[in-house]
């Protein structure tokens, strides 16, 4: 069974791996975000940095949130520099998917010696 957006997510993760190999762990998220954006651009991928999405409740706008990255209008990428990817990060990613009407998020943690990645899939929009 093929993974959702397998080719695209593989290309995104390739960009993240290149950044991790070069910078290693230890920087804040904004540094990794800037570097990943450079790699996505070099890879020819369309992306939006800090894409604003509207949060609605009962059909009424109640706030806004900024996604770290939206790639090819298909995949939400949340970048972390934390001890580990915690369950709360995955729950937030699922909420972001709902708000952005997307199905796949990649939560990528750069703070570990090995790049840590979790896929979050939203099947019932």
C-alpha atoms as a PDB file:
ATOM      1  CA  UNK A   1       0.000   0.000   0.000  1.00  0.00           C
ATOM      2  CA  UNK A   2       1.443   3.353  -1.041  1.00  0.00           C
ATOM      3  CA  UNK A   3       1.885   6.146   1.479  1.00  0.00           C
ATOM      4  CA  UNK A   4      -0.202   9.283   1.094  1.00  0.00           C
ATOM      5  CA  UNK A   5       1.777  11.824  -0.979  1.00  0.00           C
ATOM      6  CA  UNK A   6       4.718   9.402  -0.899  1.00  0.00           C
ATOM      7  CA  UNK A   7       6.812  11.062  -3.604  1.00  0.00           C
ATOM      8  CA  UNK A   8       6.250  14.586  -2.329  1.00  0.00           C
ATOM      9  CA  UNK A   9       6.854  13.687   1.314  1.00  0.00           C
ATOM     10  CA  UNK A  10      10.049  11.886   0.291  1.00  0.00           C
ATOM     11  CA  UNK A  11      11.302  15.000  -1.467  1.00  0.00           C
ATOM     12  CA  UNK A  12      10.419  17.175   1.539  1.00  0.00           C
ATOM     13  CA  UNK A  13      12.202  14.801   3.907  1.00  0.00           C
ATOM     14  CA  UNK A  14      15.230  14.802   1.611  1.00  0.00           C
ATOM     15  CA  UNK A  15      15.399  18.576   2.046  1.00  0.00           C
ATOM     16  CA  UNK A  16      15.075  18.236   5.824  1.00  0.00           C
ATOM     17  CA  UNK A  17      17.791  15.577   5.922  1.00  0.00           C
ATOM     18  CA  UNK A  18      20.151  17.831   3.960  1.00  0.00           C
ATOM     19  CA  UNK A  19      19.578  20.602   6.501  1.00  0.00           C
ATOM     20  CA  UNK A  20      20.081  18.250   9.449  1.00  0.00           C
ATOM     21  CA  UNK A  21      23.282  16.834   7.953  1.00  0.00           C
ATOM     22  CA  UNK A  22      24.666  20.330   7.469  1.00  0.00           C
ATOM     23  CA  UNK A  23      23.513  22.105  10.636  1.00  0.00           C
ATOM     24  CA  UNK A  24      23.053  19.219  13.066  1.00  0.00           C
ATOM     25  CA  UNK A  25      21.025  19.621  16.261  1.00  0.00           C
ATOM     26  CA  UNK A  26      21.212  22.653  18.524  1.00  0.00           C
ATOM     27  CA  UNK A  27      19.578  25.588  16.729  1.00  0.00           C
ATOM     28  CA  UNK A  28      16.142  27.134  17.226  1.00  0.00           C
ATOM     29  CA  UNK A  29      13.255  26.285  14.916  1.00  0.00           C
ATOM     30  CA  UNK A  30      13.475  29.523  12.920  1.00  0.00           C
ATOM     31  CA  UNK A  31      17.015  28.635  11.776  1.00  0.00           C
ATOM     32  CA  UNK A  32      15.872  25.226  10.539  1.00  0.00           C
ATOM     33  CA  UNK A  33      12.836  26.806   8.878  1.00  0.00           C
ATOM     34  CA  UNK A  34      14.993  29.236   6.899  1.00  0.00           C
ATOM     35  CA  UNK A  35      17.373  26.457   5.826  1.00  0.00           C
ATOM     36  CA  UNK A  36      14.552  24.069   4.858  1.00  0.00           C
ATOM     37  CA  UNK A  37      12.995  26.840   2.746  1.00  0.00           C
ATOM     38  CA  UNK A  38      16.284  27.226   0.880  1.00  0.00           C
ATOM     39  CA  UNK A  39      16.408  23.475   0.241  1.00  0.00           C
ATOM     40  CA  UNK A  40      12.765  23.337  -0.879  1.00  0.00           C
ATOM     41  CA  UNK A  41      13.472  26.153  -3.334  1.00  0.00           C
ATOM     42  CA  UNK A  42      16.550  24.350  -4.691  1.00  0.00           C
ATOM     43  CA  UNK A  43      14.406  21.219  -5.108  1.00  0.00           C
ATOM     44  CA  UNK A  44      11.864  23.173  -7.162  1.00  0.00           C
ATOM     45  CA  UNK A  45       9.049  22.670  -4.668  1.00  0.00           C
ATOM     46  CA  UNK A  46       6.408  25.355  -4.227  1.00  0.00           C
ATOM     47  CA  UNK A  47       5.905  26.291  -0.587  1.00  0.00           C
ATOM     48  CA  UNK A  48       4.444  28.932   1.676  1.00  0.00           C
ATOM     49  CA  UNK A  49       6.274  29.883   4.841  1.00  0.00           C
ATOM     50  CA  UNK A  50       4.192  30.850   7.888  1.00  0.00           C
ATOM     51  CA  UNK A  51       0.964  30.319   5.930  1.00  0.00           C
ATOM     52  CA  UNK A  52      -1.965  31.793   7.788  1.00  0.00           C
ATOM     53  CA  UNK A  53      -5.072  29.636   8.189  1.00  0.00           C
ATOM     54  CA  UNK A  54      -8.403  30.682   9.617  1.00  0.00           C
ATOM     55  CA  UNK A  55      -9.750  28.751  12.590  1.00  0.00           C
ATOM     56  CA  UNK A  56     -13.543  28.458  12.611  1.00  0.00           C
ATOM     57  CA  UNK A  57     -15.963  27.290  15.227  1.00  0.00           C
ATOM     58  CA  UNK A  58     -19.618  26.797  14.377  1.00  0.00           C
ATOM     59  CA  UNK A  59     -18.978  28.572  11.082  1.00  0.00           C
ATOM     60  CA  UNK A  60     -17.541  31.669  12.763  1.00  0.00           C
ATOM     61  CA  UNK A  61     -13.917  32.784  12.513  1.00  0.00           C
ATOM     62  CA  UNK A  62     -12.476  32.645  16.026  1.00  0.00           C
ATOM     63  CA  UNK A  63      -8.803  33.065  15.275  1.00  0.00           C
ATOM     64  CA  UNK A  64      -5.900  32.449  12.975  1.00  0.00           C
ATOM     65  CA  UNK A  65      -2.848  30.226  13.083  1.00  0.00           C
ATOM     66  CA  UNK A  66       0.366  30.159  11.093  1.00  0.00           C
ATOM     67  CA  UNK A  67       1.646  26.882   9.677  1.00  0.00           C
ATOM     68  CA  UNK A  68       5.423  26.572   9.580  1.00  0.00           C
ATOM     69  CA  UNK A  69       5.293  25.383   5.961  1.00  0.00           C
ATOM     70  CA  UNK A  70       2.706  24.365   3.406  1.00  0.00           C
ATOM     71  CA  UNK A  71       4.351  22.500   0.530  1.00  0.00           C
ATOM     72  CA  UNK A  72       2.770  22.184  -2.923  1.00  0.00           C
ATOM     73  CA  UNK A  73      -0.593  23.054  -1.305  1.00  0.00           C
ATOM     74  CA  UNK A  74      -0.710  19.429  -0.138  1.00  0.00           C
ATOM     75  CA  UNK A  75       1.531  18.788   2.867  1.00  0.00           C
ATOM     76  CA  UNK A  76       1.790  20.705   6.135  1.00  0.00           C
ATOM     77  CA  UNK A  77       5.296  20.654   7.620  1.00  0.00           C
ATOM     78  CA  UNK A  78       5.733  21.454  11.296  1.00  0.00           C
ATOM     79  CA  UNK A  79       9.334  21.985  12.325  1.00  0.00           C
ATOM     80  CA  UNK A  80      10.484  21.313  15.883  1.00  0.00           C
ATOM     81  CA  UNK A  81      13.660  21.669  17.904  1.00  0.00           C
ATOM     82  CA  UNK A  82      12.624  19.680  20.975  1.00  0.00           C
ATOM     83  CA  UNK A  83      13.849  16.773  23.095  1.00  0.00           C
ATOM     84  CA  UNK A  84      11.374  14.515  21.297  1.00  0.00           C
ATOM     85  CA  UNK A  85       8.211  14.642  19.230  1.00  0.00           C
ATOM     86  CA  UNK A  86       5.533  14.693  21.890  1.00  0.00           C
ATOM     87  CA  UNK A  87       1.921  13.584  21.547  1.00  0.00           C
ATOM     88  CA  UNK A  88       0.780  17.209  21.883  1.00  0.00           C
ATOM     89  CA  UNK A  89       2.746  18.093  18.708  1.00  0.00           C
ATOM     90  CA  UNK A  90       0.918  15.329  16.832  1.00  0.00           C
ATOM     91  CA  UNK A  91      -2.465  16.459  18.162  1.00  0.00           C
ATOM     92  CA  UNK A  92      -1.722  20.039  17.071  1.00  0.00           C
ATOM     93  CA  UNK A  93      -0.671  18.832  13.627  1.00  0.00           C
ATOM     94  CA  UNK A  94      -4.004  17.036  13.263  1.00  0.00           C
ATOM     95  CA  UNK A  95      -5.826  20.256  14.206  1.00  0.00           C
ATOM     96  CA  UNK A  96      -3.738  22.190  11.684  1.00  0.00           C
ATOM     97  CA  UNK A  97      -4.710  19.692   8.999  1.00  0.00           C
ATOM     98  CA  UNK A  98      -8.389  20.254   9.764  1.00  0.00           C
ATOM     99  CA  UNK A  99      -7.985  24.031   9.645  1.00  0.00           C
ATOM    100  CA  UNK A 100      -5.981  23.925   6.408  1.00  0.00           C
ATOM    101  CA  UNK A 101      -8.147  21.235   4.731  1.00  0.00           C
ATOM    102  CA  UNK A 102      -5.149  18.962   4.179  1.00  0.00           C
ATOM    103  CA  UNK A 103      -4.623  15.240   4.769  1.00  0.00           C
ATOM    104  CA  UNK A 104      -0.911  14.924   5.572  1.00  0.00           C
ATOM    105  CA  UNK A 105       1.409  16.650   7.993  1.00  0.00           C
ATOM    106  CA  UNK A 106       5.059  15.908   8.634  1.00  0.00           C
ATOM    107  CA  UNK A 107       6.310  16.778  12.108  1.00  0.00           C
ATOM    108  CA  UNK A 108      10.094  17.043  11.852  1.00  0.00           C
ATOM    109  CA  UNK A 109      12.352  17.371  14.897  1.00  0.00           C
ATOM    110  CA  UNK A 110      15.872  18.657  14.286  1.00  0.00           C
ATOM    111  CA  UNK A 111      17.078  18.588  17.924  1.00  0.00           C
ATOM    112  CA  UNK A 112      18.055  14.910  17.953  1.00  0.00           C
ATOM    113  CA  UNK A 113      21.317  13.396  16.695  1.00  0.00           C
ATOM    114  CA  UNK A 114      19.187  11.637  14.052  1.00  0.00           C
ATOM    115  CA  UNK A 115      16.382  13.537  12.331  1.00  0.00           C
ATOM    116  CA  UNK A 116      13.075  12.516  13.902  1.00  0.00           C
ATOM    117  CA  UNK A 117       9.955  12.462  11.700  1.00  0.00           C
ATOM    118  CA  UNK A 118       6.328  11.565  12.330  1.00  0.00           C
ATOM    119  CA  UNK A 119       3.586  11.439   9.693  1.00  0.00           C
ATOM    120  CA  UNK A 120       0.133  12.649  10.745  1.00  0.00           C
ATOM    121  CA  UNK A 121      -2.781  11.698   8.526  1.00  0.00           C
ATOM    122  CA  UNK A 122      -6.271  13.158   8.671  1.00  0.00           C
ATOM    123  CA  UNK A 123      -8.704  10.887   6.885  1.00  0.00           C
ATOM    124  CA  UNK A 124     -12.038  12.415   7.920  1.00  0.00           C
ATOM    125  CA  UNK A 125     -12.090  16.085   7.021  1.00  0.00           C
END
